[in-house]
Amino acid sequence: MRALRLRRQSVTPSRGFSLLEVLVAFSILALVGTALFRLFSGALGNASAADDASRAVLIAESVLAEAASAQPLREATQQGTLDDGRIEWTTKVAPYAAPGVNPDTERGSESLPLRLFRVSVEVVFPSANGGRRTLALATTRIAARDSR
């Protein structure tokens, strides 16, 4: 018998990626990229909404402090706007009567030289979804009774 000579062919492994592997990698990258962009977009929207809300709180506190410190303190309503009309505020100063107080006690307090007032402010500002949000703050102050 004749000995068959087998030749060894050297098979060199191919270097690089196949087209299918590249397509799968790009698909995964696109999905991850889309998720990250949505995440960052939502975070920017939340940061913007938080900035608008904190600005509204600062405005409300400032307007409330100004209205409550007016001398003499009188019943009144004032309105105004800020940021080119984006933020609107309204203050109200009105006599305060505690809920559940006996009417006889309330009438008896009318002879006192001092009166309790409720000072409130309402700030309306844009929300992240395009609507409007409202923030309301209030305090009470004691002041001389109006002697008209």
N, C-alpha and C. Protein backbone atom coordinates (compact mmCIF):
# COMPACT_ATOMS: atom_id res chain seq x y z
N MET A 1 0.80 -1.16 0.00
CA MET A 1 0.00 0.00 0.00
C MET A 1 0.84 1.22 0.00
N ARG A 2 0.24 1.93 -0.65
CA ARG A 2 0.93 3.18 -0.83
C ARG A 2 0.53 4.15 0.26
N ALA A 3 1.47 4.68 0.81
CA ALA A 3 1.19 5.63 1.90
C ALA A 3 0.76 6.95 1.31
N LEU A 4 -0.33 7.35 1.79
CA LEU A 4 -0.84 8.64 1.32
C LEU A 4 -0.21 9.73 2.16
N ARG A 5 0.22 10.62 1.43
CA ARG A 5 0.78 11.75 2.13
C ARG A 5 -0.28 12.81 2.31
N LEU A 6 -0.49 13.10 3.49
CA LEU A 6 -1.46 14.17 3.78
C LEU A 6 -0.70 15.46 4.00
N ARG A 7 -1.19 16.36 3.29
CA ARG A 7 -0.58 17.67 3.48
C ARG A 7 -1.40 18.45 4.50
N ARG A 8 -0.69 19.05 5.29
CA ARG A 8 -1.38 19.89 6.25
C ARG A 8 -1.51 21.28 5.67
N GLN A 9 -2.73 21.68 5.63
CA GLN A 9 -2.93 23.05 5.19
C GLN A 9 -3.05 23.90 6.43
N SER A 10 -2.33 24.93 6.40
CA SER A 10 -2.40 25.81 7.57
C SER A 10 -3.58 26.75 7.40
N VAL A 11 -4.45 26.65 8.35
CA VAL A 11 -5.62 27.51 8.33
C VAL A 11 -5.33 28.65 9.29
N THR A 12 -5.33 29.82 8.74
CA THR A 12 -5.09 30.99 9.60
C THR A 12 -6.45 31.58 9.98
N PRO A 13 -6.64 31.78 11.26
CA PRO A 13 -7.92 32.34 11.68
C PRO A 13 -8.06 33.75 11.11
N SER A 14 -9.26 34.08 10.73
CA SER A 14 -9.48 35.41 10.16
C SER A 14 -9.45 36.42 11.30
N ARG A 15 -8.95 37.55 10.98
CA ARG A 15 -8.88 38.61 11.98
C ARG A 15 -9.94 39.63 11.68
N GLY A 16 -10.56 40.16 12.76
CA GLY A 16 -11.61 41.15 12.57
C GLY A 16 -12.97 40.57 12.91
N PHE A 17 -13.98 41.34 12.63
CA PHE A 17 -15.35 40.93 12.94
C PHE A 17 -16.11 40.66 11.67
N SER A 18 -17.08 39.80 11.79
CA SER A 18 -17.93 39.53 10.64
C SER A 18 -18.98 40.65 10.55
N LEU A 19 -19.62 40.75 9.45
CA LEU A 19 -20.64 41.76 9.22
C LEU A 19 -21.78 41.62 10.23
N LEU A 20 -22.15 40.41 10.52
CA LEU A 20 -23.23 40.17 11.48
C LEU A 20 -22.86 40.67 12.88
N GLU A 21 -21.66 40.41 13.29
CA GLU A 21 -21.21 40.89 14.60
C GLU A 21 -21.21 42.41 14.68
N VAL A 22 -20.81 43.07 13.62
CA VAL A 22 -20.80 44.54 13.58
C VAL A 22 -22.22 45.08 13.64
N LEU A 23 -23.15 44.45 12.92
CA LEU A 23 -24.54 44.91 12.94
C LEU A 23 -25.16 44.74 14.32
N VAL A 24 -24.88 43.63 14.98
CA VAL A 24 -25.40 43.41 16.34
C VAL A 24 -24.82 44.44 17.30
N ALA A 25 -23.55 44.71 17.19
CA ALA A 25 -22.90 45.69 18.07
C ALA A 25 -23.50 47.08 17.86
N PHE A 26 -23.74 47.49 16.62
CA PHE A 26 -24.35 48.80 16.35
C PHE A 26 -25.79 48.86 16.85
N SER A 27 -26.51 47.76 16.75
CA SER A 27 -27.88 47.73 17.26
C SER A 27 -27.91 47.92 18.77
N ILE A 28 -27.03 47.23 19.46
CA ILE A 28 -26.95 47.38 20.91
C ILE A 28 -26.54 48.80 21.28
N LEU A 29 -25.58 49.34 20.58
CA LEU A 29 -25.13 50.71 20.83
C LEU A 29 -26.25 51.72 20.60
N ALA A 30 -27.04 51.51 19.57
CA ALA A 30 -28.16 52.42 19.29
C ALA A 30 -29.20 52.35 20.39
N LEU A 31 -29.52 51.16 20.88
CA LEU A 31 -30.50 51.02 21.96
C LEU A 31 -30.01 51.69 23.25
N VAL A 32 -28.76 51.47 23.59
CA VAL A 32 -28.20 52.09 24.79
C VAL A 32 -28.13 53.61 24.63
N GLY A 33 -27.72 54.06 23.46
CA GLY A 33 -27.66 55.50 23.21
C GLY A 33 -29.02 56.17 23.30
N THR A 34 -30.04 55.53 22.76
CA THR A 34 -31.40 56.07 22.84
C THR A 34 -31.87 56.16 24.29
N ALA A 35 -31.60 55.13 25.07
CA ALA A 35 -32.00 55.14 26.48
C ALA A 35 -31.28 56.26 27.24
N LEU A 36 -29.99 56.43 26.96
CA LEU A 36 -29.23 57.49 27.63
C LEU A 36 -29.72 58.88 27.24
N PHE A 37 -30.03 59.08 25.97
CA PHE A 37 -30.53 60.39 25.54
C PHE A 37 -31.87 60.71 26.19
N ARG A 38 -32.74 59.71 26.32
CA ARG A 38 -34.02 59.93 27.00
C ARG A 38 -33.79 60.25 28.47
N LEU A 39 -32.87 59.57 29.09
CA LEU A 39 -32.55 59.80 30.50
C LEU A 39 -32.04 61.22 30.70
N PHE A 40 -31.10 61.66 29.88
CA PHE A 40 -30.55 63.01 30.00
C PHE A 40 -31.59 64.07 29.67
N SER A 41 -32.45 63.80 28.70
CA SER A 41 -33.51 64.73 28.35
C SER A 41 -34.47 64.90 29.51
N GLY A 42 -34.85 63.81 30.14
CA GLY A 42 -35.74 63.88 31.30
C GLY A 42 -35.08 64.62 32.46
N ALA A 43 -33.80 64.39 32.66
CA ALA A 43 -33.08 65.07 33.74
C ALA A 43 -33.01 66.58 33.48
N LEU A 44 -32.79 66.98 32.24
CA LEU A 44 -32.77 68.41 31.92
C LEU A 44 -34.14 69.04 32.11
N GLY A 45 -35.19 68.32 31.74
CA GLY A 45 -36.54 68.82 31.95
C GLY A 45 -36.86 68.99 33.43
N ASN A 46 -36.44 68.02 34.25
CA ASN A 46 -36.66 68.11 35.69
C ASN A 46 -35.86 69.26 36.30
N ALA A 47 -34.64 69.47 35.83
CA ALA A 47 -33.83 70.57 36.35
C ALA A 47 -34.46 71.91 35.99
N SER A 48 -35.00 72.02 34.80
CA SER A 48 -35.66 73.25 34.38
C SER A 48 -36.91 73.51 35.22
N ALA A 49 -37.70 72.46 35.47
CA ALA A 49 -38.91 72.60 36.28
C ALA A 49 -38.55 72.99 37.72
N ALA A 50 -37.49 72.40 38.26
CA ALA A 50 -37.05 72.74 39.61
C ALA A 50 -36.58 74.18 39.68
N ASP A 51 -35.91 74.64 38.64
CA ASP A 51 -35.45 76.03 38.59
C ASP A 51 -36.65 76.99 38.57
N ASP A 52 -37.65 76.69 37.77
CA ASP A 52 -38.85 77.53 37.70
C ASP A 52 -39.57 77.54 39.05
N ALA A 53 -39.68 76.39 39.69
CA ALA A 53 -40.37 76.31 40.98
C ALA A 53 -39.61 77.07 42.06
N SER A 54 -38.29 76.95 42.09
CA SER A 54 -37.51 77.66 43.10
C SER A 54 -37.57 79.17 42.87
N ARG A 55 -37.60 79.58 41.61
CA ARG A 55 -37.75 81.02 41.30
C ARG A 55 -39.12 81.51 41.77
N ALA A 56 -40.15 80.72 41.57
CA ALA A 56 -41.50 81.10 42.02
C ALA A 56 -41.55 81.20 43.55
N VAL A 57 -40.88 80.31 44.25
CA VAL A 57 -40.85 80.37 45.72
C VAL A 57 -40.14 81.64 46.17
N LEU A 58 -39.03 81.98 45.54
CA LEU A 58 -38.31 83.20 45.91
C LEU A 58 -39.17 84.44 45.68
N ILE A 59 -39.86 84.46 44.56
CA ILE A 59 -40.74 85.60 44.26
C ILE A 59 -41.87 85.66 45.27
N ALA A 60 -42.49 84.52 45.57
CA ALA A 60 -43.60 84.49 46.53
C ALA A 60 -43.15 84.96 47.91
N GLU A 61 -42.00 84.49 48.36
CA GLU A 61 -41.49 84.91 49.66
C GLU A 61 -41.20 86.40 49.69
N SER A 62 -40.61 86.91 48.62
CA SER A 62 -40.27 88.33 48.54
C SER A 62 -41.52 89.21 48.53
N VAL A 63 -42.49 88.86 47.71
CA VAL A 63 -43.72 89.65 47.61
C VAL A 63 -44.51 89.56 48.91
N LEU A 64 -44.54 88.38 49.53
CA LEU A 64 -45.25 88.20 50.79
C LEU A 64 -44.60 89.05 51.89
N ALA A 65 -43.29 89.02 51.96
CA ALA A 65 -42.60 89.82 52.98
C ALA A 65 -42.84 91.31 52.77
N GLU A 66 -42.84 91.74 51.53
CA GLU A 66 -43.09 93.16 51.24
C GLU A 66 -44.51 93.55 51.62
N ALA A 67 -45.49 92.74 51.27
CA ALA A 67 -46.89 93.05 51.58
C ALA A 67 -47.14 93.00 53.09
N ALA A 68 -46.52 92.06 53.78
CA ALA A 68 -46.74 91.91 55.22
C ALA A 68 -46.05 92.99 56.03
N SER A 69 -45.03 93.62 55.46
CA SER A 69 -44.31 94.65 56.20
C SER A 69 -44.81 96.05 55.91
N ALA A 70 -45.83 96.19 55.07
CA ALA A 70 -46.37 97.51 54.74
C ALA A 70 -46.93 98.16 56.00
N GLN A 71 -46.67 99.42 56.15
CA GLN A 71 -47.17 100.17 57.30
C GLN A 71 -47.94 101.37 56.81
N PRO A 72 -49.11 101.60 57.21
CA PRO A 72 -49.95 100.74 58.03
C PRO A 72 -50.51 99.61 57.18
N LEU A 73 -50.77 98.51 57.82
CA LEU A 73 -51.31 97.32 57.15
C LEU A 73 -52.81 97.51 56.94
N ARG A 74 -53.24 97.50 55.69
CA ARG A 74 -54.65 97.74 55.34
C ARG A 74 -55.14 96.64 54.40
N GLU A 75 -56.46 96.47 54.39
CA GLU A 75 -57.05 95.53 53.44
C GLU A 75 -56.74 96.01 52.03
N ALA A 76 -56.19 95.11 51.21
CA ALA A 76 -55.83 95.49 49.84
C ALA A 76 -55.56 94.24 49.01
N THR A 77 -55.59 94.43 47.71
CA THR A 77 -55.20 93.39 46.75
C THR A 77 -54.28 94.04 45.73
N GLN A 78 -53.16 93.41 45.47
CA GLN A 78 -52.23 93.92 44.47
C GLN A 78 -51.86 92.78 43.52
N GLN A 79 -51.52 93.17 42.29
CA GLN A 79 -51.11 92.19 41.27
C GLN A 79 -49.87 92.71 40.56
N GLY A 80 -49.12 91.79 39.97
CA GLY A 80 -47.96 92.17 39.20
C GLY A 80 -47.44 90.99 38.39
N THR A 81 -46.49 91.30 37.52
CA THR A 81 -45.85 90.26 36.70
C THR A 81 -44.35 90.45 36.73
N LEU A 82 -43.65 89.37 36.45
CA LEU A 82 -42.19 89.37 36.36
C LEU A 82 -41.77 88.51 35.18
N ASP A 83 -40.52 88.62 34.79
CA ASP A 83 -39.96 87.81 33.69
C ASP A 83 -40.79 87.95 32.42
N ASP A 84 -41.04 89.19 32.02
CA ASP A 84 -41.78 89.47 30.78
C ASP A 84 -43.15 88.81 30.77
N GLY A 85 -43.83 88.79 31.91
CA GLY A 85 -45.17 88.26 31.99
C GLY A 85 -45.26 86.76 32.20
N ARG A 86 -44.13 86.07 32.31
CA ARG A 86 -44.15 84.61 32.52
C ARG A 86 -44.65 84.26 33.91
N ILE A 87 -44.34 85.11 34.89
CA ILE A 87 -44.71 84.84 36.28
C ILE A 87 -45.65 85.95 36.73
N GLU A 88 -46.82 85.55 37.23
CA GLU A 88 -47.82 86.50 37.73
C GLU A 88 -48.01 86.28 39.22
N TRP A 89 -48.18 87.36 39.97
CA TRP A 89 -48.41 87.24 41.40
C TRP A 89 -49.57 88.13 41.82
N THR A 90 -50.25 87.70 42.89
CA THR A 90 -51.36 88.44 43.47
C THR A 90 -51.24 88.37 44.99
N THR A 91 -51.29 89.52 45.66
CA THR A 91 -51.28 89.54 47.11
C THR A 91 -52.64 90.03 47.61
N LYS A 92 -53.04 89.48 48.75
CA LYS A 92 -54.29 89.89 49.39
C LYS A 92 -54.04 90.08 50.88
N VAL A 93 -54.51 91.21 51.38
CA VAL A 93 -54.47 91.47 52.81
C VAL A 93 -55.92 91.59 53.25
N ALA A 94 -56.35 90.74 54.18
CA ALA A 94 -57.74 90.72 54.63
C ALA A 94 -57.77 90.44 56.12
N PRO A 95 -58.80 90.93 56.81
CA PRO A 95 -58.94 90.60 58.23
C PRO A 95 -59.03 89.09 58.41
N TYR A 96 -58.46 88.61 59.49
CA TYR A 96 -58.45 87.17 59.73
C TYR A 96 -59.36 86.84 60.90
N ALA A 97 -60.24 85.92 60.69
CA ALA A 97 -61.08 85.39 61.76
C ALA A 97 -60.82 83.90 61.84
N ALA A 98 -60.41 83.46 62.99
CA ALA A 98 -60.08 82.04 63.16
C ALA A 98 -61.34 81.20 63.01
N PRO A 99 -61.24 80.07 62.34
CA PRO A 99 -62.42 79.21 62.19
C PRO A 99 -62.85 78.64 63.54
N GLY A 100 -64.18 78.56 63.72
CA GLY A 100 -64.71 77.97 64.94
C GLY A 100 -64.77 78.92 66.13
N VAL A 101 -64.51 80.21 65.91
CA VAL A 101 -64.56 81.17 67.01
C VAL A 101 -66.01 81.59 67.25
N ASN A 102 -66.38 81.69 68.49
CA ASN A 102 -67.71 82.12 68.87
C ASN A 102 -67.98 83.53 68.33
N PRO A 103 -69.11 83.78 67.65
CA PRO A 103 -69.40 85.12 67.11
C PRO A 103 -69.43 86.20 68.19
N ASP A 104 -69.84 85.86 69.40
CA ASP A 104 -69.83 86.85 70.48
C ASP A 104 -68.40 87.28 70.80
N THR A 105 -67.48 86.33 70.79
CA THR A 105 -66.06 86.66 71.04
C THR A 105 -65.53 87.55 69.93
N GLU A 106 -65.91 87.25 68.69
CA GLU A 106 -65.47 88.05 67.56
C GLU A 106 -65.99 89.49 67.67
N ARG A 107 -67.26 89.66 68.02
CA ARG A 107 -67.83 91.00 68.19
C ARG A 107 -67.15 91.73 69.34
N GLY A 108 -66.81 91.01 70.38
CA GLY A 108 -66.12 91.62 71.52
C GLY A 108 -64.73 92.11 71.16
N SER A 109 -64.09 91.45 70.20
CA SER A 109 -62.73 91.86 69.81
C SER A 109 -62.74 93.10 68.91
N GLU A 110 -63.91 93.50 68.43
CA GLU A 110 -63.98 94.68 67.56
C GLU A 110 -63.64 95.96 68.32
N SER A 111 -63.73 95.95 69.62
CA SER A 111 -63.41 97.15 70.40
C SER A 111 -61.91 97.27 70.66
N LEU A 112 -61.14 96.24 70.37
CA LEU A 112 -59.69 96.28 70.59
C LEU A 112 -59.02 97.15 69.54
N PRO A 113 -57.91 97.82 69.90
CA PRO A 113 -57.22 98.68 68.93
C PRO A 113 -56.40 97.91 67.89
N LEU A 114 -56.22 96.62 68.10
CA LEU A 114 -55.43 95.80 67.17
C LEU A 114 -56.31 94.80 66.46
N ARG A 115 -55.87 94.40 65.28
CA ARG A 115 -56.63 93.45 64.45
C ARG A 115 -55.64 92.45 63.86
N LEU A 116 -56.08 91.23 63.68
CA LEU A 116 -55.27 90.19 63.04
C LEU A 116 -55.59 90.17 61.55
N PHE A 117 -54.55 90.22 60.71
CA PHE A 117 -54.71 90.21 59.25
C PHE A 117 -54.07 88.96 58.68
N ARG A 118 -54.66 88.45 57.62
CA ARG A 118 -54.08 87.34 56.85
C ARG A 118 -53.51 87.93 55.58
N VAL A 119 -52.23 87.74 55.38
CA VAL A 119 -51.55 88.22 54.17
C VAL A 119 -51.20 86.99 53.34
N SER A 120 -51.70 86.96 52.10
CA SER A 120 -51.45 85.79 51.25
C SER A 120 -50.93 86.25 49.89
N VAL A 121 -50.19 85.36 49.26
CA VAL A 121 -49.68 85.61 47.91
C VAL A 121 -49.89 84.34 47.09
N GLU A 122 -50.25 84.54 45.84
CA GLU A 122 -50.42 83.43 44.90
C GLU A 122 -49.57 83.74 43.68
N VAL A 123 -48.68 82.83 43.33
CA VAL A 123 -47.78 82.99 42.19
C VAL A 123 -48.14 81.94 41.14
N VAL A 124 -48.36 82.39 39.92
CA VAL A 124 -48.67 81.49 38.80
C VAL A 124 -47.48 81.53 37.85
N PHE A 125 -46.94 80.35 37.52
CA PHE A 125 -45.75 80.28 36.67
C PHE A 125 -45.87 79.09 35.72
N PRO A 126 -45.09 79.11 34.61
CA PRO A 126 -45.20 78.02 33.62
C PRO A 126 -44.67 76.69 34.18
N SER A 127 -45.33 75.61 33.76
CA SER A 127 -44.86 74.28 34.15
C SER A 127 -44.09 73.65 33.00
N ALA A 128 -43.46 72.53 33.27
CA ALA A 128 -42.61 71.87 32.27
C ALA A 128 -43.42 71.34 31.09
N ASN A 129 -44.70 70.97 31.32
CA ASN A 129 -45.50 70.41 30.24
C ASN A 129 -46.25 71.46 29.43
N GLY A 130 -45.95 72.73 29.68
CA GLY A 130 -46.59 73.81 28.92
C GLY A 130 -47.79 74.41 29.60
N GLY A 131 -48.23 73.84 30.71
CA GLY A 131 -49.37 74.39 31.44
C GLY A 131 -48.93 75.46 32.43
N ARG A 132 -49.75 75.67 33.43
CA ARG A 132 -49.45 76.67 34.46
C ARG A 132 -49.50 76.00 35.83
N ARG A 133 -48.62 76.41 36.70
CA ARG A 133 -48.59 75.92 38.08
C ARG A 133 -48.86 77.08 39.01
N THR A 134 -49.42 76.79 40.18
CA THR A 134 -49.73 77.83 41.15
C THR A 134 -49.09 77.49 42.49
N LEU A 135 -48.50 78.51 43.10
CA LEU A 135 -47.89 78.39 44.41
C LEU A 135 -48.53 79.43 45.31
N ALA A 136 -48.99 79.04 46.49
CA ALA A 136 -49.64 79.97 47.41
C ALA A 136 -48.95 79.91 48.77
N LEU A 137 -48.67 81.09 49.32
CA LEU A 137 -48.10 81.23 50.65
C LEU A 137 -48.96 82.21 51.43
N ALA A 138 -49.01 82.07 52.75
CA ALA A 138 -49.79 82.99 53.58
C ALA A 138 -49.14 83.12 54.94
N THR A 139 -49.42 84.23 55.59
CA THR A 139 -48.97 84.48 56.95
C THR A 139 -50.00 85.35 57.64
N THR A 140 -49.86 85.52 58.94
CA THR A 140 -50.74 86.43 59.67
C THR A 140 -49.90 87.51 60.32
N ARG A 141 -50.49 88.69 60.42
CA ARG A 141 -49.83 89.84 61.03
C ARG A 141 -50.84 90.55 61.92
N ILE A 142 -50.34 91.14 62.97
CA ILE A 142 -51.19 91.93 63.84
C ILE A 142 -50.87 93.39 63.56
N ALA A 143 -51.91 94.20 63.44
CA ALA A 143 -51.71 95.61 63.10
C ALA A 143 -52.83 96.44 63.74
N ALA A 144 -52.63 97.74 63.71
CA ALA A 144 -53.65 98.65 64.26
C ALA A 144 -54.92 98.55 63.45
N ARG A 145 -56.05 98.63 64.14
CA ARG A 145 -57.35 98.59 63.48
C ARG A 145 -57.52 99.88 62.69
N ASP A 146 -58.06 99.75 61.51
CA ASP A 146 -58.30 100.91 60.66
C ASP A 146 -59.37 101.78 61.30
N SER A 147 -59.10 103.04 61.51
CA SER A 147 -60.05 103.94 62.18
C SER A 147 -60.65 104.91 61.18
N ARG A 148 -61.31 104.41 60.19
CA ARG A 148 -61.88 105.27 59.14
C ARG A 148 -62.97 106.11 59.67
